[in-house]
Amino acid sequence: MSNLQIHTDNAPAAVGPYSQGVSAGRLVFTSGQLPMKNGELITDDVAAAARASLENVAAILEAGHATLSDVVKVMIFLKDMSDFAAVNAVYGEFFPQPFPARSCIEVARLPLDAVLEIEAVAYVQ
């Protein structure tokens, strides 16, 4: 099995030596997505930031022939855990039941001083 790089113009380009996503067999992995929209980092509204990150995740999944319904695991990195409820509300708009497994971790700092970063793993049947 070989890994296939995933690229889409509908999500921010990788800014380092990594891919937006990779498919390996039936698995699709997205890299962590910052809350970028139209080339701008969203920092003033954590709900809008979560929405932008999840839209970027969805775009990468689509480029890898997967959907949010195929996601089995999500990792959310928050700058401030007090934003958990707001992020959780937006998250619930994107993922249907049965919900994927998920981790949510508060971190000291994210690239570009973002308020959050989200990544996902999907299994395509």
PDB file of N, CA and C in Angstrom:
ATOM      1  N   MET A   1       0.853  -1.168   0.000  1.00  0.00           N
ATOM      2  CA  MET A   1       0.000   0.000   0.000  1.00  0.00           C
ATOM      3  C   MET A   1       0.899   1.231   0.000  1.00  0.00           C
ATOM      4  N   SER A   2       0.563   2.168  -0.865  1.00  0.00           N
ATOM      5  CA  SER A   2       1.327   3.407  -0.890  1.00  0.00           C
ATOM      6  C   SER A   2       0.447   4.558  -0.423  1.00  0.00           C
ATOM      7  N   ASN A   3       1.077   5.557   0.128  1.00  0.00           N
ATOM      8  CA  ASN A   3       0.365   6.745   0.586  1.00  0.00           C
ATOM      9  C   ASN A   3       0.216   7.715  -0.579  1.00  0.00           C
ATOM     10  N   LEU A   4      -0.956   8.310  -0.701  1.00  0.00           N
ATOM     11  CA  LEU A   4      -1.216   9.270  -1.754  1.00  0.00           C
ATOM     12  C   LEU A   4      -1.456  10.641  -1.145  1.00  0.00           C
ATOM     13  N   GLN A   5      -0.719  11.614  -1.634  1.00  0.00           N
ATOM     14  CA  GLN A   5      -0.872  12.979  -1.149  1.00  0.00           C
ATOM     15  C   GLN A   5      -2.214  13.533  -1.620  1.00  0.00           C
ATOM     16  N   ILE A   6      -2.877  14.261  -0.725  1.00  0.00           N
ATOM     17  CA  ILE A   6      -4.135  14.921  -1.057  1.00  0.00           C
ATOM     18  C   ILE A   6      -3.867  16.418  -1.115  1.00  0.00           C
ATOM     19  N   HIS A   7      -4.379  17.041  -2.169  1.00  0.00           N
ATOM     20  CA  HIS A   7      -4.260  18.492  -2.298  1.00  0.00           C
ATOM     21  C   HIS A   7      -5.565  19.051  -2.835  1.00  0.00           C
ATOM     22  N   THR A   8      -5.988  20.177  -2.291  1.00  0.00           N
ATOM     23  CA  THR A   8      -7.136  20.908  -2.802  1.00  0.00           C
ATOM     24  C   THR A   8      -6.878  22.398  -2.695  1.00  0.00           C
ATOM     25  N   ASP A   9      -7.394  23.128  -3.650  1.00  0.00           N
ATOM     26  CA  ASP A   9      -7.315  24.590  -3.582  1.00  0.00           C
ATOM     27  C   ASP A   9      -8.407  25.151  -2.673  1.00  0.00           C
ATOM     28  N   ASN A  10      -9.291  24.285  -2.169  1.00  0.00           N
ATOM     29  CA  ASN A  10     -10.406  24.719  -1.316  1.00  0.00           C
ATOM     30  C   ASN A  10     -10.061  24.736   0.167  1.00  0.00           C
ATOM     31  N   ALA A  11      -8.785  24.549   0.486  1.00  0.00           N
ATOM     32  CA  ALA A  11      -8.288  24.632   1.866  1.00  0.00           C
ATOM     33  C   ALA A  11      -6.913  25.288   1.798  1.00  0.00           C
ATOM     34  N   PRO A  12      -6.456  25.858   2.912  1.00  0.00           N
ATOM     35  CA  PRO A  12      -5.143  26.509   2.900  1.00  0.00           C
ATOM     36  C   PRO A  12      -4.035  25.538   2.484  1.00  0.00           C
ATOM     37  N   ALA A  13      -3.104  26.034   1.702  1.00  0.00           N
ATOM     38  CA  ALA A  13      -1.959  25.234   1.281  1.00  0.00           C
ATOM     39  C   ALA A  13      -1.062  24.934   2.474  1.00  0.00           C
ATOM     40  N   ALA A  14      -0.376  23.818   2.407  1.00  0.00           N
ATOM     41  CA  ALA A  14       0.606  23.489   3.429  1.00  0.00           C
ATOM     42  C   ALA A  14       1.699  24.545   3.420  1.00  0.00           C
ATOM     43  N   VAL A  15       2.130  24.973   4.600  1.00  0.00           N
ATOM     44  CA  VAL A  15       3.155  26.015   4.700  1.00  0.00           C
ATOM     45  C   VAL A  15       4.499  25.449   5.158  1.00  0.00           C
ATOM     46  N   GLY A  16       4.636  24.155   5.075  1.00  0.00           N
ATOM     47  CA  GLY A  16       5.864  23.494   5.487  1.00  0.00           C
ATOM     48  C   GLY A  16       5.979  22.160   4.783  1.00  0.00           C
ATOM     49  N   PRO A  17       6.888  21.330   5.236  1.00  0.00           N
ATOM     50  CA  PRO A  17       7.112  20.026   4.604  1.00  0.00           C
ATOM     51  C   PRO A  17       6.081  18.984   5.067  1.00  0.00           C
ATOM     52  N   TYR A  18       4.821  19.230   4.714  1.00  0.00           N
ATOM     53  CA  TYR A  18       3.748  18.279   5.015  1.00  0.00           C
ATOM     54  C   TYR A  18       2.664  18.435   3.965  1.00  0.00           C
ATOM     55  N   SER A  19       1.738  17.487   3.935  1.00  0.00           N
ATOM     56  CA  SER A  19       0.628  17.501   2.985  1.00  0.00           C
ATOM     57  C   SER A  19      -0.632  17.977   3.680  1.00  0.00           C
ATOM     58  N   GLN A  20      -1.562  18.532   2.921  1.00  0.00           N
ATOM     59  CA  GLN A  20      -2.868  18.873   3.481  1.00  0.00           C
ATOM     60  C   GLN A  20      -3.532  17.607   4.020  1.00  0.00           C
ATOM     61  N   GLY A  21      -3.316  16.527   3.313  1.00  0.00           N
ATOM     62  CA  GLY A  21      -3.866  15.244   3.732  1.00  0.00           C
ATOM     63  C   GLY A  21      -3.158  14.116   3.015  1.00  0.00           C
ATOM     64  N   VAL A  22      -3.394  12.912   3.505  1.00  0.00           N
ATOM     65  CA  VAL A  22      -2.807  11.710   2.916  1.00  0.00           C
ATOM     66  C   VAL A  22      -3.850  10.610   2.977  1.00  0.00           C
ATOM     67  N   SER A  23      -3.957   9.847   1.882  1.00  0.00           N
ATOM     68  CA  SER A  23      -4.788   8.647   1.944  1.00  0.00           C
ATOM     69  C   SER A  23      -3.860   7.445   1.944  1.00  0.00           C
ATOM     70  N   ALA A  24      -4.209   6.479   2.765  1.00  0.00           N
ATOM     71  CA  ALA A  24      -3.443   5.243   2.891  1.00  0.00           C
ATOM     72  C   ALA A  24      -4.455   4.102   2.919  1.00  0.00           C
ATOM     73  N   GLY A  25      -4.605   3.445   1.791  1.00  0.00           N
ATOM     74  CA  GLY A  25      -5.646   2.423   1.704  1.00  0.00           C
ATOM     75  C   GLY A  25      -7.007   3.077   1.843  1.00  0.00           C
ATOM     76  N   ARG A  26      -7.784   2.627   2.800  1.00  0.00           N
ATOM     77  CA  ARG A  26      -9.117   3.176   3.028  1.00  0.00           C
ATOM     78  C   ARG A  26      -9.135   4.313   4.056  1.00  0.00           C
ATOM     79  N   LEU A  27      -7.970   4.658   4.581  1.00  0.00           N
ATOM     80  CA  LEU A  27      -7.885   5.720   5.573  1.00  0.00           C
ATOM     81  C   LEU A  27      -7.492   7.041   4.920  1.00  0.00           C
ATOM     82  N   VAL A  28      -8.116   8.111   5.368  1.00  0.00           N
ATOM     83  CA  VAL A  28      -7.775   9.460   4.921  1.00  0.00           C
ATOM     84  C   VAL A  28      -7.438  10.276   6.170  1.00  0.00           C
ATOM     85  N   PHE A  29      -6.257  10.860   6.184  1.00  0.00           N
ATOM     86  CA  PHE A  29      -5.779  11.666   7.302  1.00  0.00           C
ATOM     87  C   PHE A  29      -5.666  13.111   6.848  1.00  0.00           C
ATOM     88  N   THR A  30      -6.253  14.038   7.608  1.00  0.00           N
ATOM     89  CA  THR A  30      -6.023  15.448   7.311  1.00  0.00           C
ATOM     90  C   THR A  30      -4.946  15.960   8.246  1.00  0.00           C
ATOM     91  N   SER A  31      -4.165  16.891   7.760  1.00  0.00           N
ATOM     92  CA  SER A  31      -3.267  17.608   8.652  1.00  0.00           C
ATOM     93  C   SER A  31      -4.114  18.555   9.487  1.00  0.00           C
ATOM     94  N   GLY A  32      -3.565  19.028  10.575  1.00  0.00           N
ATOM     95  CA  GLY A  32      -4.279  19.980  11.414  1.00  0.00           C
ATOM     96  C   GLY A  32      -4.623  21.231  10.617  1.00  0.00           C
ATOM     97  N   GLN A  33      -5.870  21.669  10.748  1.00  0.00           N
ATOM     98  CA  GLN A  33      -6.336  22.831   9.993  1.00  0.00           C
ATOM     99  C   GLN A  33      -6.569  24.009  10.919  1.00  0.00           C
ATOM    100  N   LEU A  34      -5.849  25.076  10.644  1.00  0.00           N
ATOM    101  CA  LEU A  34      -6.048  26.321  11.370  1.00  0.00           C
ATOM    102  C   LEU A  34      -7.311  26.994  10.840  1.00  0.00           C
ATOM    103  N   PRO A  35      -7.843  27.944  11.576  1.00  0.00           N
ATOM    104  CA  PRO A  35      -9.055  28.636  11.139  1.00  0.00           C
ATOM    105  C   PRO A  35      -8.759  29.718  10.106  1.00  0.00           C
ATOM    106  N   MET A  36      -8.417  29.277   8.906  1.00  0.00           N
ATOM    107  CA  MET A  36      -8.106  30.189   7.808  1.00  0.00           C
ATOM    108  C   MET A  36      -9.290  30.233   6.850  1.00  0.00           C
ATOM    109  N   LYS A  37      -9.658  31.449   6.469  1.00  0.00           N
ATOM    110  CA  LYS A  37     -10.712  31.634   5.476  1.00  0.00           C
ATOM    111  C   LYS A  37     -10.311  32.796   4.581  1.00  0.00           C
ATOM    112  N   ASN A  38     -10.304  32.537   3.274  1.00  0.00           N
ATOM    113  CA  ASN A  38      -9.894  33.559   2.303  1.00  0.00           C
ATOM    114  C   ASN A  38      -8.511  34.122   2.623  1.00  0.00           C
ATOM    115  N   GLY A  39      -7.623  33.257   3.075  1.00  0.00           N
ATOM    116  CA  GLY A  39      -6.261  33.660   3.366  1.00  0.00           C
ATOM    117  C   GLY A  39      -6.060  34.400   4.673  1.00  0.00           C
ATOM    118  N   GLU A  40      -7.123  34.559   5.445  1.00  0.00           N
ATOM    119  CA  GLU A  40      -7.049  35.287   6.711  1.00  0.00           C
ATOM    120  C   GLU A  40      -7.268  34.347   7.893  1.00  0.00           C
ATOM    121  N   LEU A  41      -6.483  34.521   8.939  1.00  0.00           N
ATOM    122  CA  LEU A  41      -6.638  33.742  10.164  1.00  0.00           C
ATOM    123  C   LEU A  41      -7.752  34.357  11.007  1.00  0.00           C
ATOM    124  N   ILE A  42      -8.707  33.548  11.416  1.00  0.00           N
ATOM    125  CA  ILE A  42      -9.803  34.026  12.264  1.00  0.00           C
ATOM    126  C   ILE A  42      -9.384  33.865  13.719  1.00  0.00           C
ATOM    127  N   THR A  43      -9.339  34.981  14.446  1.00  0.00           N
ATOM    128  CA  THR A  43      -8.889  34.942  15.840  1.00  0.00           C
ATOM    129  C   THR A  43      -9.875  35.593  16.800  1.00  0.00           C
ATOM    130  N   ASP A  44     -10.838  36.353  16.287  1.00  0.00           N
ATOM    131  CA  ASP A  44     -11.699  37.143  17.164  1.00  0.00           C
ATOM    132  C   ASP A  44     -13.009  36.463  17.546  1.00  0.00           C
ATOM    133  N   ASP A  45     -13.330  35.320  16.945  1.00  0.00           N
ATOM    134  CA  ASP A  45     -14.592  34.622  17.201  1.00  0.00           C
ATOM    135  C   ASP A  45     -14.321  33.128  17.137  1.00  0.00           C
ATOM    136  N   VAL A  46     -14.289  32.461  18.288  1.00  0.00           N
ATOM    137  CA  VAL A  46     -13.893  31.051  18.307  1.00  0.00           C
ATOM    138  C   VAL A  46     -14.899  30.171  17.572  1.00  0.00           C
ATOM    139  N   ALA A  47     -16.176  30.524  17.565  1.00  0.00           N
ATOM    140  CA  ALA A  47     -17.164  29.739  16.811  1.00  0.00           C
ATOM    141  C   ALA A  47     -16.889  29.855  15.312  1.00  0.00           C
ATOM    142  N   ALA A  48     -16.614  31.050  14.836  1.00  0.00           N
ATOM    143  CA  ALA A  48     -16.273  31.235  13.421  1.00  0.00           C
ATOM    144  C   ALA A  48     -14.964  30.534  13.089  1.00  0.00           C
ATOM    145  N   ALA A  49     -14.031  30.536  14.025  1.00  0.00           N
ATOM    146  CA  ALA A  49     -12.758  29.848  13.833  1.00  0.00           C
ATOM    147  C   ALA A  49     -12.982  28.340  13.696  1.00  0.00           C
ATOM    148  N   ALA A  50     -13.800  27.771  14.574  1.00  0.00           N
ATOM    149  CA  ALA A  50     -14.093  26.337  14.511  1.00  0.00           C
ATOM    150  C   ALA A  50     -14.759  25.996  13.180  1.00  0.00           C
ATOM    151  N   ARG A  51     -15.686  26.833  12.762  1.00  0.00           N
ATOM    152  CA  ARG A  51     -16.390  26.602  11.486  1.00  0.00           C
ATOM    153  C   ARG A  51     -15.386  26.608  10.322  1.00  0.00           C
ATOM    154  N   ALA A  52     -14.483  27.572  10.299  1.00  0.00           N
ATOM    155  CA  ALA A  52     -13.490  27.654   9.222  1.00  0.00           C
ATOM    156  C   ALA A  52     -12.573  26.429   9.211  1.00  0.00           C
ATOM    157  N   SER A  53     -12.099  26.021  10.384  1.00  0.00           N
ATOM    158  CA  SER A  53     -11.229  24.843  10.453  1.00  0.00           C
ATOM    159  C   SER A  53     -11.962  23.595   9.968  1.00  0.00           C
ATOM    160  N   LEU A  54     -13.213  23.439  10.385  1.00  0.00           N
ATOM    161  CA  LEU A  54     -13.979  22.258   9.970  1.00  0.00           C
ATOM    162  C   LEU A  54     -14.316  22.296   8.482  1.00  0.00           C
ATOM    163  N   GLU A  55     -14.544  23.471   7.933  1.00  0.00           N
ATOM    164  CA  GLU A  55     -14.757  23.580   6.482  1.00  0.00           C
ATOM    165  C   GLU A  55     -13.486  23.184   5.731  1.00  0.00           C
ATOM    166  N   ASN A  56     -12.329  23.558   6.254  1.00  0.00           N
ATOM    167  CA  ASN A  56     -11.062  23.157   5.638  1.00  0.00           C
ATOM    168  C   ASN A  56     -10.869  21.648   5.723  1.00  0.00           C
ATOM    169  N   VAL A  57     -11.181  21.064   6.885  1.00  0.00           N
ATOM    170  CA  VAL A  57     -11.105  19.603   7.032  1.00  0.00           C
ATOM    171  C   VAL A  57     -12.015  18.936   6.009  1.00  0.00           C
ATOM    172  N   ALA A  58     -13.251  19.420   5.882  1.00  0.00           N
ATOM    173  CA  ALA A  58     -14.212  18.832   4.943  1.00  0.00           C
ATOM    174  C   ALA A  58     -13.706  18.917   3.503  1.00  0.00           C
ATOM    175  N   ALA A  59     -13.085  20.031   3.136  1.00  0.00           N
ATOM    176  CA  ALA A  59     -12.563  20.189   1.774  1.00  0.00           C
ATOM    177  C   ALA A  59     -11.448  19.185   1.487  1.00  0.00           C
ATOM    178  N   ILE A  60     -10.585  18.970   2.456  1.00  0.00           N
ATOM    179  CA  ILE A  60      -9.494  18.003   2.270  1.00  0.00           C
ATOM    180  C   ILE A  60     -10.053  16.591   2.192  1.00  0.00           C
ATOM    181  N   LEU A  61     -11.009  16.276   3.050  1.00  0.00           N
ATOM    182  CA  LEU A  61     -11.637  14.958   2.978  1.00  0.00           C
ATOM    183  C   LEU A  61     -12.258  14.728   1.605  1.00  0.00           C
ATOM    184  N   GLU A  62     -12.968  15.728   1.109  1.00  0.00           N
ATOM    185  CA  GLU A  62     -13.608  15.604  -0.200  1.00  0.00           C
ATOM    186  C   GLU A  62     -12.569  15.338  -1.290  1.00  0.00           C
ATOM    187  N   ALA A  63     -11.441  16.034  -1.224  1.00  0.00           N
ATOM    188  CA  ALA A  63     -10.376  15.814  -2.201  1.00  0.00           C
ATOM    189  C   ALA A  63      -9.801  14.401  -2.090  1.00  0.00           C
ATOM    190  N   GLY A  64      -9.931  13.810  -0.900  1.00  0.00           N
ATOM    191  CA  GLY A  64      -9.474  12.432  -0.680  1.00  0.00           C
ATOM    192  C   GLY A  64     -10.588  11.412  -0.828  1.00  0.00           C
ATOM    193  N   HIS A  65     -11.711  11.823  -1.432  1.00  0.00           N
ATOM    194  CA  HIS A  65     -12.866  10.955  -1.697  1.00  0.00           C
ATOM    195  C   HIS A  65     -13.512  10.441  -0.417  1.00  0.00           C
ATOM    196  N   ALA A  66     -13.575  11.303   0.579  1.00  0.00           N
ATOM    197  CA  ALA A  66     -14.225  10.983   1.849  1.00  0.00           C
ATOM    198  C   ALA A  66     -15.161  12.132   2.210  1.00  0.00           C
ATOM    199  N   THR A  67     -15.989  11.907   3.224  1.00  0.00           N
ATOM    200  CA  THR A  67     -16.892  12.940   3.721  1.00  0.00           C
ATOM    201  C   THR A  67     -16.796  12.990   5.237  1.00  0.00           C
ATOM    202  N   LEU A  68     -17.431  13.974   5.814  1.00  0.00           N
ATOM    203  CA  LEU A  68     -17.474  14.052   7.275  1.00  0.00           C
ATOM    204  C   LEU A  68     -18.158  12.830   7.871  1.00  0.00           C
ATOM    205  N   SER A  69     -19.071  12.213   7.140  1.00  0.00           N
ATOM    206  CA  SER A  69     -19.743  11.000   7.622  1.00  0.00           C
ATOM    207  C   SER A  69     -18.785   9.818   7.734  1.00  0.00           C
ATOM    208  N   ASP A  70     -17.651   9.890   7.031  1.00  0.00           N
ATOM    209  CA  ASP A  70     -16.653   8.816   7.072  1.00  0.00           C
ATOM    210  C   ASP A  70     -15.644   8.992   8.208  1.00  0.00           C
ATOM    211  N   VAL A  71     -15.693  10.116   8.900  1.00  0.00           N
ATOM    212  CA  VAL A  71     -14.697  10.415   9.935  1.00  0.00           C
ATOM    213  C   VAL A  71     -14.893   9.499  11.140  1.00  0.00           C
ATOM    214  N   VAL A  72     -13.791   8.897  11.595  1.00  0.00           N
ATOM    215  CA  VAL A  72     -13.824   8.011  12.756  1.00  0.00           C
ATOM    216  C   VAL A  72     -13.116   8.610  13.967  1.00  0.00           C
ATOM    217  N   LYS A  73     -12.271   9.629  13.744  1.00  0.00           N
ATOM    218  CA  LYS A  73     -11.521  10.232  14.852  1.00  0.00           C
ATOM    219  C   LYS A  73     -11.231  11.691  14.536  1.00  0.00           C
ATOM    220  N   VAL A  74     -11.442  12.548  15.522  1.00  0.00           N
ATOM    221  CA  VAL A  74     -11.141  13.975  15.403  1.00  0.00           C
ATOM    222  C   VAL A  74     -10.282  14.386  16.591  1.00  0.00           C
ATOM    223  N   MET A  75      -9.308  15.249  16.323  1.00  0.00           N
ATOM    224  CA  MET A  75      -8.521  15.850  17.397  1.00  0.00           C
ATOM    225  C   MET A  75      -8.669  17.353  17.300  1.00  0.00           C
ATOM    226  N   ILE A  76      -9.025  17.967  18.414  1.00  0.00           N
ATOM    227  CA  ILE A  76      -9.176  19.410  18.496  1.00  0.00           C
ATOM    228  C   ILE A  76      -8.140  19.932  19.487  1.00  0.00           C
ATOM    229  N   PHE A  77      -7.393  20.930  19.063  1.00  0.00           N
ATOM    230  CA  PHE A  77      -6.404  21.569  19.912  1.00  0.00           C
ATOM    231  C   PHE A  77      -6.901  22.982  20.175  1.00  0.00           C
ATOM    232  N   LEU A  78      -7.146  23.309  21.434  1.00  0.00           N
ATOM    233  CA  LEU A  78      -7.663  24.625  21.819  1.00  0.00           C
ATOM    234  C   LEU A  78      -6.602  25.427  22.558  1.00  0.00           C
ATOM    235  N   LYS A  79      -6.553  26.701  22.262  1.00  0.00           N
ATOM    236  CA  LYS A  79      -5.672  27.602  23.009  1.00  0.00           C
ATOM    237  C   LYS A  79      -6.233  27.840  24.408  1.00  0.00           C
ATOM    238  N   ASP A  80      -7.571  27.800  24.542  1.00  0.00           N
ATOM    239  CA  ASP A  80      -8.221  28.073  25.819  1.00  0.00           C
ATOM    240  C   ASP A  80      -9.410  27.133  26.000  1.00  0.00           C
ATOM    241  N   MET A  81      -9.350  26.257  26.985  1.00  0.00           N
ATOM    242  CA  MET A  81     -10.402  25.270  27.203  1.00  0.00           C
ATOM    243  C   MET A  81     -11.742  25.923  27.552  1.00  0.00           C
ATOM    244  N   SER A  82     -11.739  27.183  27.945  1.00  0.00           N
ATOM    245  CA  SER A  82     -13.016  27.850  28.208  1.00  0.00           C
ATOM    246  C   SER A  82     -13.814  28.057  26.918  1.00  0.00           C
ATOM    247  N   ASP A  83     -13.189  27.829  25.758  1.00  0.00           N
ATOM    248  CA  ASP A  83     -13.878  27.897  24.470  1.00  0.00           C
ATOM    249  C   ASP A  83     -14.542  26.581  24.085  1.00  0.00           C
ATOM    250  N   PHE A  84     -14.432  25.576  24.945  1.00  0.00           N
ATOM    251  CA  PHE A  84     -14.922  24.230  24.626  1.00  0.00           C
ATOM    252  C   PHE A  84     -16.400  24.227  24.216  1.00  0.00           C
ATOM    253  N   ALA A  85     -17.264  24.876  24.972  1.00  0.00           N
ATOM    254  CA  ALA A  85     -18.704  24.844  24.683  1.00  0.00           C
ATOM    255  C   ALA A  85     -19.017  25.463  23.320  1.00  0.00           C
ATOM    256  N   ALA A  86     -18.391  26.587  23.003  1.00  0.00           N
ATOM    257  CA  ALA A  86     -18.636  27.241  21.716  1.00  0.00           C
ATOM    258  C   ALA A  86     -18.158  26.369  20.555  1.00  0.00           C
ATOM    259  N   VAL A  87     -16.995  25.764  20.709  1.00  0.00           N
ATOM    260  CA  VAL A  87     -16.467  24.881  19.665  1.00  0.00           C
ATOM    261  C   VAL A  87     -17.340  23.644  19.548  1.00  0.00           C
ATOM    262  N   ASN A  88     -17.760  23.096  20.671  1.00  0.00           N
ATOM    263  CA  ASN A  88     -18.593  21.907  20.672  1.00  0.00           C
ATOM    264  C   ASN A  88     -19.912  22.155  19.935  1.00  0.00           C
ATOM    265  N   ALA A  89     -20.497  23.321  20.098  1.00  0.00           N
ATOM    266  CA  ALA A  89     -21.756  23.652  19.426  1.00  0.00           C
ATOM    267  C   ALA A  89     -21.572  23.652  17.911  1.00  0.00           C
ATOM    268  N   VAL A  90     -20.492  24.239  17.429  1.00  0.00           N
ATOM    269  CA  VAL A  90     -20.221  24.252  15.991  1.00  0.00           C
ATOM    270  C   VAL A  90     -19.905  22.840  15.502  1.00  0.00           C
ATOM    271  N   TYR A  91     -19.110  22.133  16.261  1.00  0.00           N
ATOM    272  CA  TYR A  91     -18.731  20.747  15.912  1.00  0.00           C
ATOM    273  C   TYR A  91     -19.989  19.907  15.670  1.00  0.00           C
ATOM    274  N   GLY A  92     -20.994  20.066  16.518  1.00  0.00           N
ATOM    275  CA  GLY A  92     -22.236  19.306  16.391  1.00  0.00           C
ATOM    276  C   GLY A  92     -22.990  19.590  15.108  1.00  0.00           C
ATOM    277  N   GLU A  93     -22.750  20.740  14.478  1.00  0.00           N
ATOM    278  CA  GLU A  93     -23.373  21.068  13.199  1.00  0.00           C
ATOM    279  C   GLU A  93     -22.737  20.306  12.039  1.00  0.00           C
ATOM    280  N   PHE A  94     -21.498  19.860  12.217  1.00  0.00           N
ATOM    281  CA  PHE A  94     -20.739  19.248  11.125  1.00  0.00           C
ATOM    282  C   PHE A  94     -20.775  17.729  11.113  1.00  0.00           C
ATOM    283  N   PHE A  95     -20.913  17.101  12.276  1.00  0.00           N
ATOM    284  CA  PHE A  95     -20.799  15.651  12.334  1.00  0.00           C
ATOM    285  C   PHE A  95     -22.132  14.991  12.665  1.00  0.00           C
ATOM    286  N   PRO A  96     -22.549  14.061  11.807  1.00  0.00           N
ATOM    287  CA  PRO A  96     -23.783  13.315  12.062  1.00  0.00           C
ATOM    288  C   PRO A  96     -23.527  12.171  13.036  1.00  0.00           C
ATOM    289  N   GLN A  97     -24.611  11.655  13.604  1.00  0.00           N
ATOM    290  CA  GLN A  97     -24.488  10.451  14.428  1.00  0.00           C
ATOM    291  C   GLN A  97     -24.348   9.255  13.515  1.00  0.00           C
ATOM    292  N   PRO A  98     -23.639   8.213  13.885  1.00  0.00           N
ATOM    293  CA  PRO A  98     -22.892   8.122  15.140  1.00  0.00           C
ATOM    294  C   PRO A  98     -21.651   9.015  15.081  1.00  0.00           C
ATOM    295  N   PHE A  99     -21.448   9.763  16.153  1.00  0.00           N
ATOM    296  CA  PHE A  99     -20.349  10.709  16.197  1.00  0.00           C
ATOM    297  C   PHE A  99     -19.004   9.994  16.196  1.00  0.00           C
ATOM    298  N   PRO A 100     -17.997  10.613  15.580  1.00  0.00           N
ATOM    299  CA  PRO A 100     -16.658  10.010  15.623  1.00  0.00           C
ATOM    300  C   PRO A 100     -16.067  10.114  17.030  1.00  0.00           C
ATOM    301  N   ALA A 101     -15.073   9.284  17.283  1.00  0.00           N
ATOM    302  CA  ALA A 101     -14.301   9.424  18.513  1.00  0.00           C
ATOM    303  C   ALA A 101     -13.600  10.778  18.452  1.00  0.00           C
ATOM    304  N   ARG A 102     -13.311  11.364  19.628  1.00  0.00           N
ATOM    305  CA  ARG A 102     -12.734  12.700  19.610  1.00  0.00           C
ATOM    306  C   ARG A 102     -11.876  12.938  20.837  1.00  0.00           C
ATOM    307  N   SER A 103     -10.834  13.709  20.640  1.00  0.00           N
ATOM    308  CA  SER A 103     -10.023  14.247  21.727  1.00  0.00           C
ATOM    309  C   SER A 103     -10.067  15.757  21.616  1.00  0.00           C
ATOM    310  N   CYS A 104     -10.028  16.427  22.753  1.00  0.00           N
ATOM    311  CA  CYS A 104      -9.964  17.885  22.773  1.00  0.00           C
ATOM    312  C   CYS A 104      -8.930  18.253  23.835  1.00  0.00           C
ATOM    313  N   ILE A 105      -7.891  18.932  23.393  1.00  0.00           N
ATOM    314  CA  ILE A 105      -6.745  19.182  24.256  1.00  0.00           C
ATOM    315  C   ILE A 105      -6.435  20.673  24.281  1.00  0.00           C
ATOM    316  N   GLU A 106      -6.216  21.233  25.465  1.00  0.00           N
ATOM    317  CA  GLU A 106      -5.739  22.606  25.565  1.00  0.00           C
ATOM    318  C   GLU A 106      -4.227  22.589  25.401  1.00  0.00           C
ATOM    319  N   VAL A 107      -3.744  23.492  24.557  1.00  0.00           N
ATOM    320  CA  VAL A 107      -2.313  23.565  24.285  1.00  0.00           C
ATOM    321  C   VAL A 107      -1.794  24.968  24.612  1.00  0.00           C
ATOM    322  N   ALA A 108      -0.501  25.059  24.838  1.00  0.00           N
ATOM    323  CA  ALA A 108       0.090  26.343  25.203  1.00  0.00           C
ATOM    324  C   ALA A 108       0.116  27.319  24.034  1.00  0.00           C
ATOM    325  N   ARG A 109       0.343  26.785  22.834  1.00  0.00           N
ATOM    326  CA  ARG A 109       0.460  27.680  21.683  1.00  0.00           C
ATOM    327  C   ARG A 109       0.262  26.885  20.408  1.00  0.00           C
ATOM    328  N   LEU A 110      -0.320  27.544  19.406  1.00  0.00           N
ATOM    329  CA  LEU A 110      -0.542  26.945  18.095  1.00  0.00           C
ATOM    330  C   LEU A 110       0.151  27.788  17.033  1.00  0.00           C
ATOM    331  N   PRO A 111       0.406  27.220  15.853  1.00  0.00           N
ATOM    332  CA  PRO A 111       1.022  28.008  14.787  1.00  0.00           C
ATOM    333  C   PRO A 111       0.226  29.290  14.516  1.00  0.00           C
ATOM    334  N   LEU A 112       0.925  30.352  14.225  1.00  0.00           N
ATOM    335  CA  LEU A 112       0.342  31.670  13.941  1.00  0.00           C
ATOM    336  C   LEU A 112      -0.478  32.216  15.106  1.00  0.00           C
ATOM    337  N   ASP A 113      -0.280  31.645  16.294  1.00  0.00           N
ATOM    338  CA  ASP A 113      -1.050  32.015  17.486  1.00  0.00           C
ATOM    339  C   ASP A 113      -2.557  31.830  17.275  1.00  0.00           C
ATOM    340  N   ALA A 114      -2.911  30.785  16.519  1.00  0.00           N
ATOM    341  CA  ALA A 114      -4.319  30.468  16.256  1.00  0.00           C
ATOM    342  C   ALA A 114      -5.028  30.090  17.552  1.00  0.00           C
ATOM    343  N   VAL A 115      -6.355  30.234  17.562  1.00  0.00           N
ATOM    344  CA  VAL A 115      -7.141  29.892  18.742  1.00  0.00           C
ATOM    345  C   VAL A 115      -7.472  28.407  18.797  1.00  0.00           C
ATOM    346  N   LEU A 116      -7.371  27.725  17.641  1.00  0.00           N
ATOM    347  CA  LEU A 116      -7.614  26.286  17.617  1.00  0.00           C
ATOM    348  C   LEU A 116      -7.047  25.680  16.354  1.00  0.00           C
ATOM    349  N   GLU A 117      -6.959  24.365  16.355  1.00  0.00           N
ATOM    350  CA  GLU A 117      -6.544  23.583  15.191  1.00  0.00           C
ATOM    351  C   GLU A 117      -7.305  22.273  15.260  1.00  0.00           C
ATOM    352  N   ILE A 118      -7.776  21.795  14.097  1.00  0.00           N
ATOM    353  CA  ILE A 118      -8.575  20.558  14.064  1.00  0.00           C
ATOM    354  C   ILE A 118      -8.042  19.642  12.970  1.00  0.00           C
ATOM    355  N   GLU A 119      -7.937  18.355  13.296  1.00  0.00           N
ATOM    356  CA  GLU A 119      -7.558  17.339  12.311  1.00  0.00           C
ATOM    357  C   GLU A 119      -8.495  16.157  12.417  1.00  0.00           C
ATOM    358  N   ALA A 120      -8.530  15.338  11.364  1.00  0.00           N
ATOM    359  CA  ALA A 120      -9.460  14.203  11.351  1.00  0.00           C
ATOM    360  C   ALA A 120      -8.855  13.011  10.628  1.00  0.00           C
ATOM    361  N   VAL A 121      -9.408  11.844  10.961  1.00  0.00           N
ATOM    362  CA  VAL A 121      -9.092  10.600  10.277  1.00  0.00           C
ATOM    363  C   VAL A 121     -10.411  10.004   9.809  1.00  0.00           C
ATOM    364  N   ALA A 122     -10.478   9.627   8.530  1.00  0.00           N
ATOM    365  CA  ALA A 122     -11.695   9.034   7.967  1.00  0.00           C
ATOM    366  C   ALA A 122     -11.392   7.643   7.460  1.00  0.00           C
ATOM    367  N   TYR A 123     -12.416   6.798   7.480  1.00  0.00           N
ATOM    368  CA  TYR A 123     -12.337   5.456   6.921  1.00  0.00           C
ATOM    369  C   TYR A 123     -13.368   5.378   5.800  1.00  0.00           C
ATOM    370  N   VAL A 124     -12.894   5.165   4.577  1.00  0.00           N
ATOM    371  CA  VAL A 124     -13.775   5.127   3.408  1.00  0.00           C
ATOM    372  C   VAL A 124     -14.134   3.678   3.130  1.00  0.00           C
ATOM    373  N   GLN A 125     -15.419   3.394   3.128  1.00  0.00           N
ATOM    374  CA  GLN A 125     -15.878   2.002   2.909  1.00  0.00           C
ATOM    375  C   GLN A 125     -15.822   1.601   1.454  1.00  0.00           C
TER     376      GLN A 125
END
